[in-house]
Protein backbone atom coordinates (compact mmCIF):
# COMPACT_ATOMS: atom_id res chain seq x y z
CA UNK A 1 66.08 150.17 78.70
CA UNK A 2 65.57 148.03 81.76
CA UNK A 3 65.63 144.22 81.42
CA UNK A 4 64.58 142.12 84.39
CA UNK A 5 62.51 139.14 85.47
CA UNK A 6 58.91 140.43 85.45
CA UNK A 7 56.78 140.50 88.57
CA UNK A 8 53.96 137.97 88.78
CA UNK A 9 51.35 140.71 88.36
CA UNK A 10 53.00 141.72 85.05
CA UNK A 11 52.57 138.32 83.40
CA UNK A 12 49.15 139.20 81.87
CA UNK A 13 50.90 142.10 80.11
CA UNK A 14 53.26 139.60 78.47
CA UNK A 15 50.26 137.76 77.06
CA UNK A 16 48.97 141.07 75.64
CA UNK A 17 52.38 141.72 74.04
CA UNK A 18 52.25 138.26 72.44
CA UNK A 19 48.78 138.90 71.01
CA UNK A 20 49.88 142.24 69.55
CA UNK A 21 53.14 140.78 68.20
CA UNK A 22 51.16 138.04 66.45
CA UNK A 23 48.99 140.41 64.44
CA UNK A 24 51.59 141.23 61.72
CA UNK A 25 51.60 137.51 60.77
CA UNK A 26 48.05 137.96 59.47
CA UNK A 27 49.33 140.11 56.58
CA UNK A 28 51.65 137.25 55.55
CA UNK A 29 48.77 134.77 55.24
CA UNK A 30 49.60 133.25 58.62
CA UNK A 31 46.34 133.95 60.43
CA UNK A 32 46.72 130.75 62.46
CA UNK A 33 49.87 132.21 64.03
CA UNK A 34 48.14 135.54 64.67
CA UNK A 35 45.24 133.70 66.31
CA UNK A 36 47.41 131.35 68.37
CA UNK A 37 46.83 131.60 72.11
CA UNK A 38 49.73 133.23 74.01
CA UNK A 39 51.59 131.23 76.65
CA UNK A 40 49.32 130.51 79.60
CA UNK A 41 49.72 132.34 82.89
CA UNK A 42 50.73 129.00 84.40
CA UNK A 43 53.55 128.53 81.88
CA UNK A 44 54.68 132.15 82.24
CA UNK A 45 54.69 131.71 86.02
CA UNK A 46 56.89 128.61 85.69
CA UNK A 47 59.42 130.55 83.59
CA UNK A 48 59.21 133.57 85.92
CA UNK A 49 59.81 131.49 89.07
CA UNK A 50 62.78 129.78 87.41
CA UNK A 51 64.25 133.21 86.54
CA UNK A 52 64.00 132.38 82.83
CA UNK A 53 61.43 135.01 81.85
CA UNK A 54 62.80 138.43 80.97
CA UNK A 55 60.82 141.59 80.31
CA UNK A 56 61.97 144.80 78.67
CA UNK A 57 60.80 148.13 80.06
CA UNK A 58 61.24 151.62 78.72
CA UNK A 59 63.01 153.95 81.10
CA UNK A 60 59.77 155.52 82.29
CA UNK A 61 56.14 154.66 81.96
CA UNK A 62 54.06 156.65 79.45
CA UNK A 63 52.55 158.64 82.29
CA UNK A 64 55.88 159.04 84.08
CA UNK A 65 54.76 156.42 86.60
CA UNK A 66 55.10 152.68 86.75
CA UNK A 67 56.96 151.03 83.92
CA UNK A 68 55.12 148.53 81.75
CA UNK A 69 56.72 145.71 79.75
CA UNK A 70 57.13 146.36 76.02
CA UNK A 71 58.77 143.02 75.17
CA UNK A 72 59.64 139.71 76.72
CA UNK A 73 61.71 136.57 76.28
CA UNK A 74 61.41 133.04 77.66
CA UNK A 75 64.43 130.75 77.70
CA UNK A 76 65.34 127.30 78.93
CA UNK A 77 68.43 125.10 78.97
CA UNK A 78 68.40 122.56 76.14
CA UNK A 79 71.36 120.25 75.57
CA UNK A 80 73.78 122.53 77.42
CA UNK A 81 72.73 125.62 75.49
CA UNK A 82 70.37 128.49 76.15
CA UNK A 83 67.29 127.89 74.03
CA UNK A 84 65.08 130.90 73.32
CA UNK A 85 61.58 129.55 73.58
CA UNK A 86 59.87 132.84 72.75
CA UNK A 87 60.83 136.45 72.16
CA UNK A 88 58.19 139.06 71.38
CA UNK A 89 58.17 142.84 71.23
CA UNK A 90 55.05 144.96 71.01
CA UNK A 91 54.80 146.15 67.37
CA UNK A 92 54.60 149.80 68.37
CA UNK A 93 58.05 149.39 69.96
CA UNK A 94 59.61 147.43 67.08
CA UNK A 95 62.92 148.37 65.44
CA UNK A 96 64.42 149.80 68.63
CA UNK A 97 66.80 146.95 69.51
CA UNK A 98 64.54 145.56 72.24
CA UNK A 99 64.56 141.99 70.89
CA UNK A 100 68.34 141.97 70.53
CA UNK A 101 68.78 143.40 74.03
CA UNK A 102 66.56 140.65 75.44
CA UNK A 103 68.50 137.99 73.51
CA UNK A 104 71.86 139.35 74.69
CA UNK A 105 70.62 139.30 78.30
CA UNK A 106 69.40 135.71 77.93
CA UNK A 107 72.87 134.78 76.71
CA UNK A 108 74.40 136.33 79.82
CA UNK A 109 71.84 134.80 82.19
CA UNK A 110 72.18 131.38 80.55
CA UNK A 111 75.89 131.21 81.25
CA UNK A 112 77.37 132.54 78.02
CA UNK A 113 76.85 129.29 76.15
CA UNK A 114 75.56 129.05 72.61
CA UNK A 115 72.02 130.27 72.01
CA UNK A 116 69.50 128.29 69.99
CA UNK A 117 66.01 128.98 68.72
CA UNK A 118 63.55 127.80 66.11
CA UNK A 119 61.80 130.18 63.79
CA UNK A 120 60.07 130.77 60.47
CA UNK A 121 62.51 131.12 57.57
CA UNK A 122 60.42 133.41 55.35
CA UNK A 123 59.13 135.91 57.92
CA UNK A 124 61.29 139.06 57.69
CA UNK A 125 61.36 139.63 61.45
CA UNK A 126 62.22 135.97 62.12
CA UNK A 127 65.11 134.05 60.46
CA UNK A 128 66.43 137.00 58.40
CA UNK A 129 66.52 139.15 61.55
CA UNK A 130 68.21 136.45 63.62
CA UNK A 131 70.83 136.00 60.88
CA UNK A 132 71.63 139.72 61.14
CA UNK A 133 72.28 139.35 64.87
CA UNK A 134 74.66 136.42 64.57
CA UNK A 135 72.51 133.29 64.34
CA UNK A 136 73.08 130.70 61.63
CA UNK A 137 70.70 128.09 60.33
CA UNK A 138 71.53 124.59 61.52
CA UNK A 139 71.53 121.77 59.00
CA UNK A 140 69.66 118.65 60.07
CA UNK A 141 72.94 116.89 60.95
CA UNK A 142 73.74 119.54 63.59
CA UNK A 143 70.45 119.33 65.48
CA UNK A 144 70.92 118.13 69.03
CA UNK A 145 68.43 115.65 70.52
CA UNK A 146 66.65 118.48 72.37
CA UNK A 147 66.31 120.59 69.21
CA UNK A 148 65.02 117.55 67.32
CA UNK A 149 62.38 117.06 70.02
CA UNK A 150 61.40 120.75 69.82
CA UNK A 151 61.08 120.57 66.03
CA UNK A 152 58.99 117.38 66.30
CA UNK A 153 56.68 119.10 68.79
CA UNK A 154 56.37 122.15 66.52
CA UNK A 155 55.47 119.91 63.58
CA UNK A 156 52.79 118.22 65.71
CA UNK A 157 51.35 121.67 66.43
CA UNK A 158 51.15 122.38 62.68
CA UNK A 159 53.86 125.03 62.60
CA UNK A 160 55.59 123.29 59.70
CA UNK A 161 52.85 124.51 57.35
CA UNK A 162 55.38 127.30 56.83
CA UNK A 163 59.13 126.71 56.44
CA UNK A 164 60.96 126.61 59.79
CA UNK A 165 64.56 126.28 60.88
CA UNK A 166 66.61 125.78 64.02
CA UNK A 167 69.32 128.40 64.48
CA UNK A 168 72.36 128.84 66.72
CA UNK A 169 74.51 131.79 67.82
CA UNK A 170 77.91 131.18 69.35
CA UNK A 171 78.64 132.69 72.78
CA UNK A 172 80.00 136.21 72.89
CA UNK A 173 78.95 137.10 69.35
CA UNK A 174 79.62 140.76 68.76
CA UNK A 175 78.30 141.99 65.47
CA UNK A 176 77.04 145.14 63.89
CA UNK A 177 73.81 146.89 64.73
CA UNK A 178 70.77 144.57 64.66
């Protein structure tokens, strides 16, 4: 698996991955999440230019030619930590360790500081998955100012219609298979 900052002309493919990755939410009664618009090309470009967009590629393209992204991750520094803004893997490439590989690379690229993210608690491929790969739920008292601001923004967007949590993984976590 190859992980690298995507080229500008690959950013539309990241939006397609996000749309596909949203579809399984529909079966959980979360159609609003499935229908949510992916990050804009402008936002993806900002992350890409800052070196904080990562894409995962299989070793060879399906036709043996150019590789195409199968997953991606966006991260940003928040309160001295690496905050995972978004991680998505195309559903037909799920359960292959792509998400964990992207997260591990973000940890490295972010300076081997703690990782944070916010996620849905009751979606099997969200909080339960992140717990398996070393994240722990943060109680309200442990939220940093930046995480509080992120949670406030998410609530304003209506994401709190479903239970959400902020999570943290300590640097250098080495656990079992994800």
